[in-house]
Protein backbone atom coordinates (compact mmCIF):
# COMPACT_ATOMS: atom_id res chain seq x y z
CA UNK A 1 -26.72 -18.93 -6.93
CA UNK A 2 -23.40 -17.26 -7.73
CA UNK A 3 -20.61 -19.19 -9.44
CA UNK A 4 -17.19 -19.43 -7.82
CA UNK A 5 -15.84 -16.72 -10.15
CA UNK A 6 -18.77 -14.44 -9.29
CA UNK A 7 -18.16 -15.07 -5.60
CA UNK A 8 -14.48 -14.11 -6.00
CA UNK A 9 -15.43 -10.90 -7.84
CA UNK A 10 -18.03 -10.09 -5.20
CA UNK A 11 -15.49 -10.69 -2.43
CA UNK A 12 -13.06 -8.34 -4.17
CA UNK A 13 -15.84 -5.72 -4.42
CA UNK A 14 -16.66 -6.17 -0.73
CA UNK A 15 -12.99 -5.74 0.25
CA UNK A 16 -12.76 -2.61 -1.91
CA UNK A 17 -15.92 -1.25 -0.28
CA UNK A 18 -14.48 -1.86 3.19
CA UNK A 19 -11.21 -0.14 2.30
CA UNK A 20 -13.06 2.81 0.78
CA UNK A 21 -15.35 3.12 3.80
CA UNK A 22 -12.52 2.99 6.31
CA UNK A 23 -10.36 5.45 4.40
CA UNK A 24 -13.26 7.86 3.85
CA UNK A 25 -14.30 7.54 7.50
CA UNK A 26 -10.80 8.34 8.74
CA UNK A 27 -10.64 11.31 6.36
CA UNK A 28 -14.08 12.57 7.47
CA UNK A 29 -13.04 12.32 11.12
CA UNK A 30 -9.49 13.64 10.91
CA UNK A 31 -9.01 15.41 7.56
CA UNK A 32 -5.37 15.52 6.44
CA UNK A 33 -4.35 14.31 9.91
CA UNK A 34 -5.64 10.91 8.77
CA UNK A 35 -2.35 10.58 6.89
CA UNK A 36 -0.66 9.94 10.23
CA UNK A 37 -2.57 6.65 10.56
CA UNK A 38 -0.51 5.09 7.78
CA UNK A 39 2.33 4.26 10.20
CA UNK A 40 0.08 2.27 12.52
CA UNK A 41 -1.80 0.64 9.64
CA UNK A 42 1.47 -0.36 7.96
CA UNK A 43 2.84 -1.88 11.15
CA UNK A 44 -0.26 -4.06 11.51
CA UNK A 45 -0.13 -5.16 7.86
CA UNK A 46 3.59 -5.95 8.13
CA UNK A 47 2.98 -8.12 11.21
CA UNK A 48 0.43 -10.18 9.26
CA UNK A 49 2.71 -10.44 6.23
CA UNK A 50 5.54 -11.74 8.43
CA UNK A 51 3.24 -14.14 10.29
CA UNK A 52 1.16 -15.46 7.39
CA UNK A 53 3.51 -15.17 4.39
CA UNK A 54 6.86 -15.81 6.07
CA UNK A 55 8.40 -12.46 5.15
CA UNK A 56 11.63 -11.95 7.09
CA UNK A 57 13.19 -8.52 7.24
CA UNK A 58 15.75 -8.91 10.03
CA UNK A 59 19.23 -8.62 8.58
CA UNK A 60 17.96 -8.09 5.04
CA UNK A 61 19.45 -5.48 2.74
CA UNK A 62 16.82 -2.70 2.47
CA UNK A 63 16.64 -2.84 -1.36
CA UNK A 64 16.28 -6.65 -1.31
CA UNK A 65 13.59 -6.42 1.37
CA UNK A 66 11.60 -3.82 -0.59
CA UNK A 67 11.95 -5.86 -3.80
CA UNK A 68 10.65 -8.96 -2.01
CA UNK A 69 7.62 -7.07 -0.70
CA UNK A 70 6.86 -5.98 -4.27
CA UNK A 71 7.33 -9.53 -5.53
CA UNK A 72 4.86 -10.83 -2.96
CA UNK A 73 2.25 -8.31 -4.06
CA UNK A 74 2.63 -9.12 -7.76
CA UNK A 75 3.49 -12.84 -7.79
CA UNK A 76 1.74 -14.16 -4.67
CA UNK A 77 -1.23 -11.81 -4.25
CA UNK A 78 -1.71 -10.72 -7.86
CA UNK A 79 -2.89 -7.26 -6.85
CA UNK A 80 -0.78 -5.41 -9.41
CA UNK A 81 0.89 -6.28 -12.70
CA UNK A 82 4.13 -4.44 -12.00
CA UNK A 83 5.89 -3.03 -8.96
CA UNK A 84 9.22 -1.24 -9.03
CA UNK A 85 10.96 0.18 -5.99
CA UNK A 86 14.18 2.14 -5.73
CA UNK A 87 15.98 2.88 -2.48
CA UNK A 88 18.56 5.65 -2.70
CA UNK A 89 20.09 7.26 0.36
CA UNK A 90 17.05 8.11 2.49
CA UNK A 91 14.40 8.12 -0.27
CA UNK A 92 12.21 5.22 -1.45
CA UNK A 93 10.35 5.57 -4.77
CA UNK A 94 7.61 3.19 -5.96
CA UNK A 95 5.94 2.66 -9.28
CA UNK A 96 2.81 0.48 -9.19
CA UNK A 97 0.91 -0.53 -12.33
CA UNK A 98 -2.66 -1.86 -12.51
CA UNK A 99 -3.32 -2.11 -8.78
CA UNK A 100 -6.63 -3.80 -7.97
CA UNK A 101 -7.40 -0.89 -5.64
CA UNK A 102 -7.37 1.64 -8.49
CA UNK A 103 -11.19 1.94 -8.49
CA UNK A 104 -11.08 2.69 -4.74
CA UNK A 105 -8.45 5.37 -5.37
CA UNK A 106 -10.54 6.83 -8.18
CA UNK A 107 -13.66 6.95 -5.98
CA UNK A 108 -11.71 8.62 -3.15
CA UNK A 109 -10.33 11.26 -5.50
CA UNK A 110 -13.84 11.95 -6.84
CA UNK A 111 -15.00 12.39 -3.23
CA UNK A 112 -12.25 14.97 -2.64
CA UNK A 113 -10.14 12.64 -0.52
CA UNK A 114 -6.41 12.27 -1.01
CA UNK A 115 -5.73 8.49 -1.09
CA UNK A 116 -3.48 7.44 1.77
CA UNK A 117 -4.03 3.78 2.66
CA UNK A 118 -1.80 1.97 0.19
CA UNK A 119 -0.62 -1.50 1.20
CA UNK A 120 2.63 -1.14 -0.75
CA UNK A 121 3.52 2.18 0.83
CA UNK A 122 2.31 1.30 4.32
CA UNK A 123 4.04 -2.09 4.54
CA UNK A 124 7.28 -0.93 2.93
CA UNK A 125 7.58 2.10 5.20
CA UNK A 126 6.81 -0.05 8.26
CA UNK A 127 9.47 -2.55 7.19
CA UNK A 128 12.04 0.20 6.69
CA UNK A 129 11.21 1.73 10.09
CA UNK A 130 11.57 -1.65 11.75
CA UNK A 131 14.71 -2.63 9.84
CA UNK A 132 16.55 0.70 10.13
CA UNK A 133 15.06 2.05 13.35
CA UNK A 134 14.22 5.39 11.74
CA UNK A 135 11.01 7.32 11.14
CA UNK A 136 9.42 7.74 7.72
CA UNK A 137 7.34 10.41 6.07
CA UNK A 138 5.25 10.20 2.91
CA UNK A 139 6.50 12.68 0.29
CA UNK A 140 4.45 11.74 -2.77
CA UNK A 141 1.22 9.85 -3.45
CA UNK A 142 0.23 10.42 -7.07
CA UNK A 143 -2.56 8.39 -8.62
CA UNK A 144 -3.00 8.42 -12.41
CA UNK A 145 -6.35 6.67 -12.82
CA UNK A 146 -6.37 7.05 -16.62
CA UNK A 147 -3.15 5.06 -16.95
CA UNK A 148 -3.82 2.88 -13.87
CA UNK A 149 -0.47 3.90 -12.36
CA UNK A 150 0.64 5.15 -8.95
CA UNK A 151 3.87 6.96 -8.13
CA UNK A 152 4.67 6.87 -4.43
CA UNK A 153 7.56 8.12 -2.37
CA UNK A 154 8.51 8.12 1.27
CA UNK A 155 11.62 9.31 3.02
CA UNK A 156 13.56 8.13 6.03
CA UNK A 157 13.88 10.92 8.62
């Protein structure tokens, strides 16, 4: 019988497998058009974050809101060791270090799939759309698997 630590690791592997399968399935069905699903996915994730973690974005300064989302991911969820976000004019840049989904990203890249389902990116862009009432578009999604680092960018349009 598995220990509690083994069960936690197995659960993390199962979640990674689900994310990989869904992302690969969307890519296989829609190709690059799958990127358009990130808006809907982000909206659903944001709803759960507001409902289950008490995140409030109404009336919040955009930079403060984005910083709080990053803090939740690092301090409360522990799914990365560092998260920096910068909001300037209409551009939002992210730097994510040691994300627990890095192996999923690596496997997707090896399969010829451009990673596109990132909780940081999806939730932050959904929050900005909701808060500012504007559309967003992903401009950059760079994954450096060797250094376990992601550089992400989206823009308000």
